[in-house]
Structures are given as C-alpha cells and as structure tokens.
Protein backbone atom coordinates (compact mmCIF):
# COMPACT_ATOMS: atom_id res chain seq x y z
CA MET A 1 179.34 148.06 112.02
CA THR A 2 175.99 146.98 110.67
CA GLN A 3 176.04 143.28 111.73
CA ALA A 4 175.28 143.89 115.42
CA PRO A 5 172.24 146.08 114.71
CA ALA A 6 171.02 143.67 112.07
CA ARG A 7 171.28 140.77 114.56
CA HIS A 8 169.46 142.92 117.13
CA ARG A 9 166.69 143.70 114.69
CA SER A 10 166.48 139.96 113.75
CA GLY A 11 166.25 138.98 117.38
CA ARG A 12 163.49 141.53 118.01
CA ARG A 13 161.52 140.21 115.01
CA GLN A 14 161.89 136.63 116.33
CA HIS A 15 160.63 137.67 119.78
CA ASP A 16 157.76 139.57 118.12
CA ARG A 17 156.72 136.55 116.12
CA GLU A 18 156.89 134.32 119.17
CA ILE A 19 154.89 136.80 121.38
CA VAL A 20 152.20 137.26 118.70
CA SER A 21 151.85 133.59 117.90
CA LEU A 22 151.30 132.77 121.56
CA ALA A 23 149.55 135.81 122.89
CA VAL A 24 146.80 136.27 120.23
CA PRO A 25 145.31 132.80 120.71
CA ALA A 26 145.80 133.05 124.45
CA PHE A 27 143.67 136.33 124.46
CA GLY A 28 140.93 134.54 122.59
CA SER A 29 140.74 131.63 125.08
CA LEU A 30 140.87 134.04 128.04
CA VAL A 31 137.96 136.10 126.66
CA ALA A 32 135.99 132.86 126.00
CA GLU A 33 136.04 132.04 129.72
CA PRO A 34 133.74 134.89 130.91
CA LEU A 35 131.48 134.23 127.90
CA PHE A 36 130.29 131.02 129.61
CA LEU A 37 128.89 133.20 132.47
CA MET A 38 127.38 135.69 130.01
CA ALA A 39 125.60 132.95 128.12
CA ASP A 40 124.25 131.44 131.31
CA THR A 41 123.16 134.99 132.46
CA ALA A 42 121.38 135.76 129.14
CA ILE A 43 119.46 132.46 129.25
CA VAL A 44 118.66 132.38 132.93
CA GLY A 45 117.71 136.06 132.95
CA HIS A 46 114.54 135.33 130.94
CA LEU A 47 113.32 132.88 133.61
CA GLY A 48 112.87 135.63 136.21
CA THR A 49 114.67 138.04 138.62
CA ALA A 50 114.90 135.52 141.49
CA GLN A 51 116.48 132.93 139.17
CA LEU A 52 118.99 135.52 137.88
CA ALA A 53 119.84 136.68 141.36
CA GLY A 54 120.42 132.96 142.39
CA LEU A 55 122.71 132.55 139.41
CA GLY A 56 124.63 135.75 140.40
CA VAL A 57 125.34 134.37 143.89
CA ALA A 58 126.15 130.81 142.79
CA SER A 59 128.46 131.94 139.89
CA ALA A 60 130.33 134.30 142.01
CA LEU A 61 131.04 131.52 144.57
CA LEU A 62 132.06 129.07 141.77
CA MET A 63 134.35 131.57 140.04
CA THR A 64 136.04 132.43 143.37
CA ALA A 65 136.56 128.77 144.11
CA VAL A 66 138.02 128.08 140.69
CA SER A 67 140.13 131.21 140.42
CA VAL A 68 141.90 130.30 143.64
CA PHE A 69 143.40 127.28 141.76
CA VAL A 70 144.59 129.27 138.69
CA PHE A 71 148.16 128.23 139.80
CA LEU A 72 147.37 124.89 138.17
CA ALA A 73 147.78 126.64 134.87
CA TYR A 74 150.59 128.98 135.77
CA ALA A 75 152.89 126.58 137.60
CA THR A 76 152.36 123.88 135.02
CA THR A 77 153.16 126.20 132.14
CA ALA A 78 156.48 127.17 133.66
CA ALA A 79 157.58 123.66 134.64
CA VAL A 80 156.58 122.12 131.23
CA ALA A 81 158.24 124.99 129.29
CA ARG A 82 161.55 124.42 131.07
CA ARG A 83 161.50 120.78 130.18
CA VAL A 84 160.76 121.64 126.56
CA GLY A 85 163.67 124.11 126.51
CA ALA A 86 165.90 121.37 127.84
CA GLY A 87 164.81 119.15 124.98
CA ASP A 88 163.04 116.49 127.15
CA LEU A 89 159.46 116.28 125.86
CA GLN A 90 158.85 113.05 127.75
CA ALA A 91 159.65 114.70 131.07
CA ALA A 92 157.69 117.76 130.04
CA ILE A 93 154.45 115.83 129.45
CA ARG A 94 155.12 113.83 132.61
CA GLN A 95 155.35 117.04 134.49
CA GLY A 96 152.07 118.05 132.94
CA MET A 97 150.37 114.80 133.97
CA ASP A 98 151.41 115.48 137.57
CA GLY A 99 149.58 118.81 137.37
CA ILE A 100 146.46 117.16 135.85
CA TRP A 101 146.41 114.46 138.61
CA LEU A 102 146.72 117.27 141.22
CA ALA A 103 143.75 119.08 139.56
CA LEU A 104 141.60 115.95 139.76
CA LEU A 105 142.45 115.45 143.46
CA LEU A 106 141.78 119.09 144.31
CA GLY A 107 138.59 119.12 142.30
CA ALA A 108 137.24 116.02 144.15
CA ALA A 109 138.08 117.73 147.47
CA VAL A 110 136.22 120.88 146.50
CA VAL A 111 133.11 118.91 145.36
CA ALA A 112 133.13 117.02 148.65
CA VAL A 113 132.97 120.32 150.50
CA VAL A 114 130.67 122.41 148.28
CA ILE A 115 127.72 119.98 147.74
CA PRO A 116 126.84 119.46 151.44
CA THR A 117 127.51 123.05 152.42
CA ALA A 118 125.96 124.80 149.42
CA SER A 119 122.75 125.89 151.28
CA GLY A 120 124.67 127.35 154.19
CA VAL A 121 127.17 129.16 151.97
CA VAL A 122 124.45 130.69 149.94
CA ASP A 123 122.75 132.02 153.03
CA LEU A 124 126.06 133.32 154.36
CA PHE A 125 126.41 135.45 151.22
CA GLY A 126 123.14 137.04 151.83
CA ALA A 127 120.93 135.60 149.12
CA SER A 128 117.29 136.57 149.46
CA ASP A 129 114.64 133.97 150.45
CA ALA A 130 113.45 134.08 146.87
CA ALA A 131 116.83 133.65 145.24
CA ALA A 132 118.43 131.21 147.78
CA PRO A 133 116.76 128.02 146.50
CA TYR A 134 117.81 128.76 142.88
CA ALA A 135 121.37 129.64 144.01
CA THR A 136 121.63 126.42 145.97
CA THR A 137 120.40 124.31 143.13
CA TYR A 138 122.75 125.89 140.58
CA LEU A 139 125.75 125.67 143.03
CA ARG A 140 125.22 121.98 143.91
CA ILE A 141 124.83 120.88 140.26
CA SER A 142 127.63 123.15 138.91
CA ALA A 143 129.97 121.87 141.63
CA LEU A 144 130.10 118.56 139.67
CA GLY A 145 131.91 120.53 136.93
CA ILE A 146 134.69 121.87 139.24
CA PRO A 147 137.13 118.93 138.68
CA ALA A 148 136.65 119.38 134.91
CA MET A 149 137.41 123.10 135.23
CA LEU A 150 140.58 122.39 137.13
CA VAL A 151 141.65 119.79 134.71
CA VAL A 152 141.13 122.37 131.97
CA LEU A 153 143.43 124.77 133.91
CA ALA A 154 146.15 122.28 134.30
CA ALA A 155 145.92 120.90 130.76
CA THR A 156 145.98 124.40 129.39
CA GLY A 157 149.15 124.96 131.24
CA VAL A 158 150.66 121.83 129.75
CA LEU A 159 149.84 123.02 126.24
CA ARG A 160 151.07 126.54 126.90
CA GLY A 161 154.29 125.06 128.16
CA LEU A 162 154.57 123.09 124.89
CA GLN A 163 154.19 126.54 123.16
CA ASP A 164 150.75 125.74 121.93
CA THR A 165 148.03 128.32 122.69
CA LYS A 166 145.91 127.61 119.62
CA THR A 167 144.46 124.31 120.89
CA PRO A 168 143.09 126.00 124.03
CA LEU A 169 141.52 128.66 121.92
CA TYR A 170 139.82 126.03 119.68
CA VAL A 171 138.63 124.07 122.74
CA ALA A 172 137.31 127.31 124.41
CA ILE A 173 135.36 128.29 121.33
CA ALA A 174 133.81 124.84 121.03
CA GLY A 175 133.04 124.77 124.70
CA PHE A 176 131.31 128.09 124.53
CA VAL A 177 129.17 127.06 121.61
CA ALA A 178 128.27 123.77 123.27
CA ASN A 179 127.43 125.52 126.47
CA GLY A 180 125.10 127.87 124.80
CA ALA A 181 123.27 125.17 122.86
CA LEU A 182 122.97 122.87 125.88
CA ASN A 183 121.73 125.53 128.20
CA ALA A 184 119.10 126.74 125.76
CA GLY A 185 117.94 123.21 125.12
CA LEU A 186 117.81 122.04 128.78
CA VAL A 187 116.39 125.28 130.19
CA TYR A 188 113.61 125.84 127.63
CA GLY A 189 113.46 122.61 125.55
CA ALA A 190 113.51 120.22 128.53
CA ASP A 191 111.87 122.86 130.79
CA LEU A 192 114.52 122.23 133.57
CA GLY A 193 114.87 125.91 134.48
CA ILE A 194 118.01 126.99 136.24
CA ALA A 195 118.97 123.36 136.82
CA GLY A 196 119.14 122.97 133.09
CA SER A 197 121.55 125.82 132.87
CA ALA A 198 123.81 124.21 135.48
CA TRP A 199 123.66 120.84 133.82
CA GLY A 200 124.43 122.35 130.41
CA THR A 201 127.47 124.03 131.77
CA VAL A 202 128.73 120.91 133.60
CA ILE A 203 128.44 118.82 130.42
CA ALA A 204 130.31 121.47 128.40
CA GLN A 205 132.98 121.64 130.98
CA TRP A 206 133.54 117.92 131.06
CA GLY A 207 133.48 117.86 127.28
CA MET A 208 136.30 120.37 127.25
CA ALA A 209 138.21 118.38 129.89
CA VAL A 210 137.89 115.13 127.87
CA VAL A 211 139.22 116.88 124.77
CA TYR A 212 142.25 118.19 126.62
CA LEU A 213 142.94 114.78 128.14
CA VAL A 214 142.81 113.15 124.77
CA VAL A 215 145.37 115.70 123.46
CA VAL A 216 147.68 115.17 126.44
CA VAL A 217 147.36 111.37 126.48
CA ARG A 218 148.24 111.27 122.81
CA GLY A 219 151.26 113.31 123.49
CA ALA A 220 152.23 111.11 126.33
CA ARG A 221 151.96 107.94 124.35
CA LYS A 222 153.92 109.49 121.43
CA HIS A 223 156.84 110.43 123.71
CA GLY A 224 156.66 107.43 126.02
CA ALA A 225 155.59 109.45 129.10
CA SER A 226 153.81 107.49 131.90
CA LEU A 227 150.20 108.30 132.60
CA ARG A 228 150.07 106.83 136.10
CA PRO A 229 149.88 109.17 139.15
CA ASP A 230 153.23 109.79 140.75
CA ALA A 231 153.03 110.79 144.40
CA ALA A 232 156.40 112.61 144.30
CA GLY A 233 155.46 114.48 141.16
CA ILE A 234 152.02 115.46 142.37
CA ARG A 235 153.54 116.60 145.65
CA ALA A 236 156.14 118.75 143.72
CA SER A 237 153.36 120.30 141.65
CA ALA A 238 151.46 121.26 144.80
CA GLN A 239 154.57 122.70 146.45
CA ALA A 240 155.29 124.84 143.28
CA GLY A 241 151.66 126.03 143.40
CA VAL A 242 151.58 127.13 147.04
CA PRO A 243 153.39 130.51 146.49
CA LEU A 244 151.14 131.31 143.51
CA LEU A 245 148.13 130.41 145.64
CA VAL A 246 149.21 133.00 148.18
CA ARG A 247 149.74 135.51 145.41
CA THR A 248 146.24 134.86 143.95
CA LEU A 249 144.55 135.07 147.40
CA SER A 250 146.30 138.36 148.12
CA LEU A 251 145.06 139.79 144.80
CA ARG A 252 141.54 138.55 145.46
CA ALA A 253 141.68 140.22 148.87
CA ILE A 254 142.72 143.56 147.31
CA LEU A 255 139.69 143.37 144.93
CA MET A 256 137.37 142.52 147.71
CA ILE A 257 138.60 145.38 149.90
CA ALA A 258 138.14 147.79 146.99
CA THR A 259 134.59 146.58 146.45
CA ALA A 260 133.81 146.93 150.15
CA VAL A 261 135.20 150.43 150.22
CA ALA A 262 133.19 151.35 147.13
CA ALA A 263 130.09 150.11 148.87
CA ARG A 264 130.65 152.42 151.80
CA LEU A 265 130.83 155.41 149.33
CA GLY A 266 127.19 155.05 148.29
CA ASP A 267 124.97 153.33 145.81
CA ALA A 268 126.07 155.41 142.82
CA ASP A 269 129.67 154.78 143.65
CA ILE A 270 129.39 151.03 144.04
CA ALA A 271 127.42 150.79 140.82
CA ALA A 272 130.03 152.82 138.96
CA HIS A 273 132.78 150.75 140.59
CA GLN A 274 131.23 147.51 139.31
CA ILE A 275 131.13 148.99 135.76
CA ILE A 276 134.74 150.12 135.95
CA LEU A 277 135.92 146.82 137.48
CA SER A 278 134.30 144.90 134.64
CA LEU A 279 136.19 147.12 132.12
CA TRP A 280 139.36 146.74 134.12
CA SER A 281 139.10 143.00 134.08
CA LEU A 282 138.49 143.01 130.26
CA LEU A 283 141.64 145.13 129.77
CA ALA A 284 143.43 142.71 132.01
CA PHE A 285 142.70 139.87 129.54
CA ALA A 286 144.61 141.62 126.74
CA LEU A 287 147.65 142.22 129.02
CA ASP A 288 147.41 138.79 130.55
CA ALA A 289 147.72 137.30 127.09
CA ILE A 290 151.23 138.83 126.77
CA ALA A 291 152.05 137.46 130.28
CA ILE A 292 151.00 134.01 129.25
CA ALA A 293 153.33 134.24 126.27
CA GLY A 294 156.02 135.29 128.72
CA GLN A 295 155.45 132.33 130.86
CA ALA A 296 155.96 129.92 127.96
CA ILE A 297 158.80 131.73 126.28
CA ILE A 298 160.89 132.52 129.48
CA GLY A 299 160.45 128.96 130.71
CA ARG A 300 161.68 127.57 127.41
CA TYR A 301 164.81 129.86 127.28
CA LEU A 302 165.72 129.09 130.85
CA GLY A 303 165.20 125.38 130.36
CA ALA A 304 167.57 125.56 127.31
CA GLY A 305 170.20 127.36 129.45
CA ASP A 306 169.91 130.58 127.41
CA ALA A 307 169.99 133.32 130.09
CA GLN A 308 170.73 136.05 127.55
CA GLY A 309 167.82 134.96 125.47
CA ALA A 310 165.56 135.08 128.49
CA ARG A 311 166.75 138.64 129.26
CA ASP A 312 166.20 139.80 125.70
CA ALA A 313 162.73 138.21 125.56
CA CYS A 314 161.84 139.90 128.87
CA ARG A 315 162.93 143.26 127.64
CA ARG A 316 160.99 142.94 124.39
CA MET A 317 157.84 141.71 126.24
CA VAL A 318 158.02 144.76 128.55
CA GLU A 319 158.09 146.96 125.46
CA TRP A 320 154.99 145.14 124.14
CA GLY A 321 153.27 145.58 127.55
CA ILE A 322 153.87 149.32 127.58
CA ALA A 323 152.78 149.70 123.94
CA VAL A 324 149.57 147.71 124.46
CA GLY A 325 148.87 149.54 127.65
CA VAL A 326 149.15 152.95 125.89
CA VAL A 327 146.86 151.83 123.14
CA LEU A 328 144.27 150.50 125.70
CA GLY A 329 144.50 153.64 127.70
CA ILE A 330 143.76 155.74 124.63
CA LEU A 331 140.85 153.55 123.68
CA VAL A 332 139.35 153.86 127.24
CA VAL A 333 139.53 157.66 126.95
CA ILE A 334 137.98 157.78 123.56
CA ALA A 335 135.24 155.25 124.31
CA ARG A 336 134.23 156.67 127.70
CA PRO A 337 131.15 158.59 126.44
CA ALA A 338 129.82 155.60 124.52
CA PHE A 339 130.87 152.92 127.07
CA LEU A 340 128.92 154.12 130.09
CA PRO A 341 125.45 154.31 128.57
CA LEU A 342 125.76 150.54 127.79
CA PHE A 343 125.57 149.84 131.48
CA THR A 344 123.58 152.68 133.00
CA SER A 345 121.34 155.64 132.27
CA ASP A 346 121.77 157.02 135.81
CA SER A 347 123.57 160.42 135.66
CA ALA A 348 124.88 160.07 139.17
CA VAL A 349 126.56 156.75 138.26
CA LYS A 350 127.98 158.34 135.09
CA ASP A 351 129.36 161.34 136.99
CA ALA A 352 131.07 159.02 139.48
CA ALA A 353 132.54 156.82 136.80
CA LEU A 354 133.84 159.31 134.27
CA PRO A 355 136.86 160.72 136.24
CA ALA A 356 137.61 157.27 137.68
CA LEU A 357 137.75 155.96 134.12
CA LEU A 358 140.43 158.53 133.32
CA ILE A 359 142.57 157.11 136.17
CA VAL A 360 142.06 153.63 134.69
CA ALA A 361 143.16 154.85 131.26
CA LEU A 362 146.30 156.49 132.58
CA SER A 363 147.33 153.47 134.54
CA GLN A 364 147.29 151.07 131.62
CA PRO A 365 150.95 151.36 130.66
CA ILE A 366 151.79 150.58 134.32
CA SER A 367 149.45 147.54 134.12
CA GLY A 368 151.13 146.45 130.97
CA ILE A 369 154.51 146.29 132.74
CA VAL A 370 153.05 144.56 135.72
CA PHE A 371 151.26 141.80 133.80
CA VAL A 372 154.35 141.16 131.65
CA LEU A 373 156.85 140.97 134.48
CA ASP A 374 154.42 138.86 136.48
CA GLY A 375 154.38 136.43 133.52
CA VAL A 376 158.16 136.49 133.22
CA LEU A 377 158.72 135.66 136.95
CA MET A 378 156.04 132.92 136.73
CA GLY A 379 157.77 131.42 133.70
CA ALA A 380 161.05 131.52 135.68
CA GLY A 381 159.34 129.67 138.56
CA ASP A 382 160.02 132.49 140.91
CA GLY A 383 156.74 131.92 142.81
CA PRO A 384 158.03 132.64 146.34
CA TYR A 385 159.10 136.16 145.41
CA LEU A 386 155.72 136.79 143.65
CA ALA A 387 153.91 135.68 146.85
CA TRP A 388 155.96 138.03 149.18
CA ALA A 389 155.66 140.85 146.68
CA MET A 390 151.87 140.57 146.59
CA LEU A 391 151.65 140.31 150.33
CA LEU A 392 153.67 143.54 150.57
CA THR A 393 151.32 145.11 148.02
CA LEU A 394 148.29 144.10 150.06
CA ALA A 395 149.90 145.62 153.18
CA VAL A 396 150.42 148.94 151.46
CA PHE A 397 147.04 149.01 149.70
CA THR A 398 144.82 148.06 152.57
CA PRO A 399 145.30 151.06 154.96
CA VAL A 400 145.32 153.58 152.16
CA ALA A 401 142.14 152.14 150.67
CA LEU A 402 140.35 152.05 154.01
CA LEU A 403 141.21 155.81 154.49
CA VAL A 404 139.36 156.79 151.27
CA PRO A 405 135.91 157.02 152.88
CA VAL A 406 137.27 158.31 156.19
CA LEU A 407 138.92 161.28 154.48
CA GLY A 408 135.84 161.92 152.32
CA GLY A 409 137.40 160.63 149.10
CA GLY A 410 135.18 159.31 146.30
CA LEU A 411 135.42 156.69 143.66
CA THR A 412 138.24 158.59 141.80
CA ALA A 413 140.30 158.45 144.98
CA LEU A 414 139.63 154.76 145.34
CA TRP A 415 140.89 154.03 141.77
CA ALA A 416 143.87 156.23 142.40
CA THR A 417 144.56 153.89 145.27
CA MET A 418 144.21 150.96 142.85
CA THR A 419 146.77 152.63 140.64
CA LEU A 420 149.02 152.94 143.65
CA MET A 421 148.55 149.20 144.12
CA MET A 422 149.72 148.56 140.62
CA THR A 423 152.61 150.93 140.97
CA VAL A 424 153.81 149.00 144.06
CA ARG A 425 153.60 145.78 142.12
CA MET A 426 155.43 147.35 139.24
CA VAL A 427 158.32 148.49 141.43
CA THR A 428 158.67 145.20 143.26
CA LEU A 429 158.60 143.22 140.00
CA TRP A 430 161.01 145.63 138.25
CA LEU A 431 163.52 145.38 141.14
CA ARG A 432 163.45 141.59 140.89
CA THR A 433 163.94 141.43 137.14
CA ARG A 434 166.71 144.03 137.37
CA SER A 435 168.54 142.02 140.01
CA GLY A 436 168.73 138.97 137.74
CA ARG A 437 168.08 136.60 140.58
CA TRP A 438 165.14 135.14 138.82
CA ILE A 439 167.41 133.69 136.11
CA VAL A 440 167.98 130.08 137.04
CA THR A 441 168.77 127.87 134.06
CA GLY A 442 168.19 124.16 133.62
CA ALA A 443 165.31 121.72 133.19
CA THR A 444 164.27 122.35 136.83
CA ARG A 445 164.55 125.45 139.03
C-alpha cells in the first residue's frame, strides 16, 4: 500500500531536483542578457540626451533583429536533448554544430543587410535629427556583433540540450563584467563616445561566442563528432526553426500592437504601459527559466523513449509554473507602492499603472502554465502546433485590443486584453498536452 506513494514521492523529488538544477542557472543567464543594455544605457546616458536617444533607437532595432532568431536556442535545445536521451552524444553534438553553422550564416546575412541600410532604418523609426547620427553609428558597429549573438544563442541551446545551464550562466556573468569594463574604458578612457560603447559590446559578444565555441569543440573532439558544416543538417535545423520563427514573430506582433494601442490612450497611459511591460518582461524571465528546464528534460525523456517520464515531468513542471506564478503575483501586489516611484513621480502615470498592475499580478499563475507548456512542447519538437496556436492567439487578440480605445477603455482594459491573450495561449497549449499528440519518442521526431 505504501510502495506506490513512496515511488510517487521519489519521482517528484527527482523531477524537482532536475527542474531546480536547470532552471536556477537558466534564470541567471536570462537576467544577464538585459543587463548588457542596462550597462550601455548607464554609461552612454552621461554623454548626453542625444546620444542616449540614439542608443535607445539602435538597441531596440538590434534586440528585435536578434530576438527573431531565438529559435536557434529553442530548436537546438530540443534536438540535442533528444539525442542525449537516446544515448548518442556524438550525434547530439553534431546536431548542435549544425545549429551553430546556421547561426553563423544567418548572422552574416543580417550584417550584410543592416550595415548599408542602417541610416535609412534609423530614419524610418523616427529618430530626431540630433539622435540619428548616434543611432546610425551605434547600429553599424554593433551589427558586427550579431553573428556572435546568434552563435551564443545556438551554443546555449547545445549546452541546455546537454543538460548544462551552469556554463551559460558563467559565460553570461563574465560577458556582462567584460562589457561594462570595456564600455567604460572605450567611452571615457579612449574618448570614443557612443562608438566606444558599441565596440565594447561587440568585443564582449565575440568573447562570449569564442568561449562557447571552445566548449562545444572540446565536446565534439571528445565524442568524435565532426565539426565541418553539413548542408543537410543545416537545412534540417533551419526547417525545424521556421515554425518557432512564426511563433516568435506572432508574439512580437502582439506586443507591438499592445504598445501602439497604449500610445493612443495618451501620454500617461503609454508611460505607465512601458513601466508595466518592463516588469512583465522581468517576471517572464523567472517563468521562462522553468520553460527552459522543460525543453531540456522533456527532450531527454522522449529521446530515451520514456513517454510516461515525459508526462510525469510535464505535470510536475506545470505545478511549479503555477506555484511560481502565485508567488510572483503576490510579490507584485505587495511591491506595487514601492515599485512605481522607482520609475516615475507623475501621479497620472501612477494612477494609470496601479490597477493595471493588479491585472498583471492576477494573471501570473496563467503565465506560469503558459511558459511551462510552451517549453514542454518546444522540448517535444512540436513547433508547427506552437506556430498555429500563436497565430490563432494573434487573431483573437488583435480585434479585441484595437477595440479598447474605441470603446473608451483605459490601460487596465488593455492589460485585461493581454490576460485574455495569455488565457487563449493557455487553453491551446493545455488542449495539446492533454491530447498526448506531442509525445513522439525516439532520437528524432
């Protein structure tokens, strides 16, 4: 009578250990990414308003360009984890090398487009006459780091697939420290201005990429995996990434529509929206860390042919997602009075943000389920379903969001619509995981 519950508790403890060991370092590396931008902002901000405005435009363009290719990490994690589960480390690393070669090719293509078009793109995004030259300078120089950033994404996916999230954390911390030191030295010590900030970031990014490549190459040599580019493998990596690219673009469209709607509500509302969106993004990092653990763990179980283990792990991670979401929601409610003064002293902005923050707090358990199930299906290589589900979510969200200013709704109504968006995602992801169609075992899907 007691053996089954004991085995159940033992299995839960095993899943808990795996989730914590992967999610905690993953959270650290995720948080380190926006710290690059914060360091650049702090250093460039002392050069002048025009320089800071130029950095704002250029960094937004760069982050958009790079975030589009986040599938390099997600697809690589799932593919490598499956091979690990199947016990074929040579093939796992070979799969990872295909992702890295794809990252280099895509990075080179983006650089070839960005550098000659930088000035026109900056003008298109409405930079002022004073800020435009600084934005163009920063964008052209920083574009040279895009291939490195994409290699970092792909190599991070390799290590996550190998169940290693600690190395990316260490590299991210080292990269952040190097970035800050280089920027300060080049901007002020060498008197290069905003160009020095761009060069410092590029050097730090390539340094991170080199470290990752050394780690992956060592693993390849240890397990006898080829380092040469393989056309078929690169093509397969690209094909696996296309659905996730569609998913990412759909999500970016949702966020852009929300910002455009907030702008129509008035200056106080758009200012409050930006504050709330920054908090929402920070909360997402905590939940995304569990999703990353899900990608690695689910891929490994399916690669090993353990369908029941994958189901059990999925169930436990959902429990974690809900629990973390509840905790984050409570923290948001408690911290609301202290949080807003950090960003604004305008009472109108605070009044607009306070009720909307309550909506964000209440929606965190929903977000926890969404992020976890998103990670589970990515780990299972179920990209096509994720793409269609996000397109459906975009189709539902768009008309409702656009009606907010028409019907006289405010920022609280807009964030209620964002919660509707997350609820639609939760339902579509829950239906898929409940169906069991995502469970395809073996070294490849």
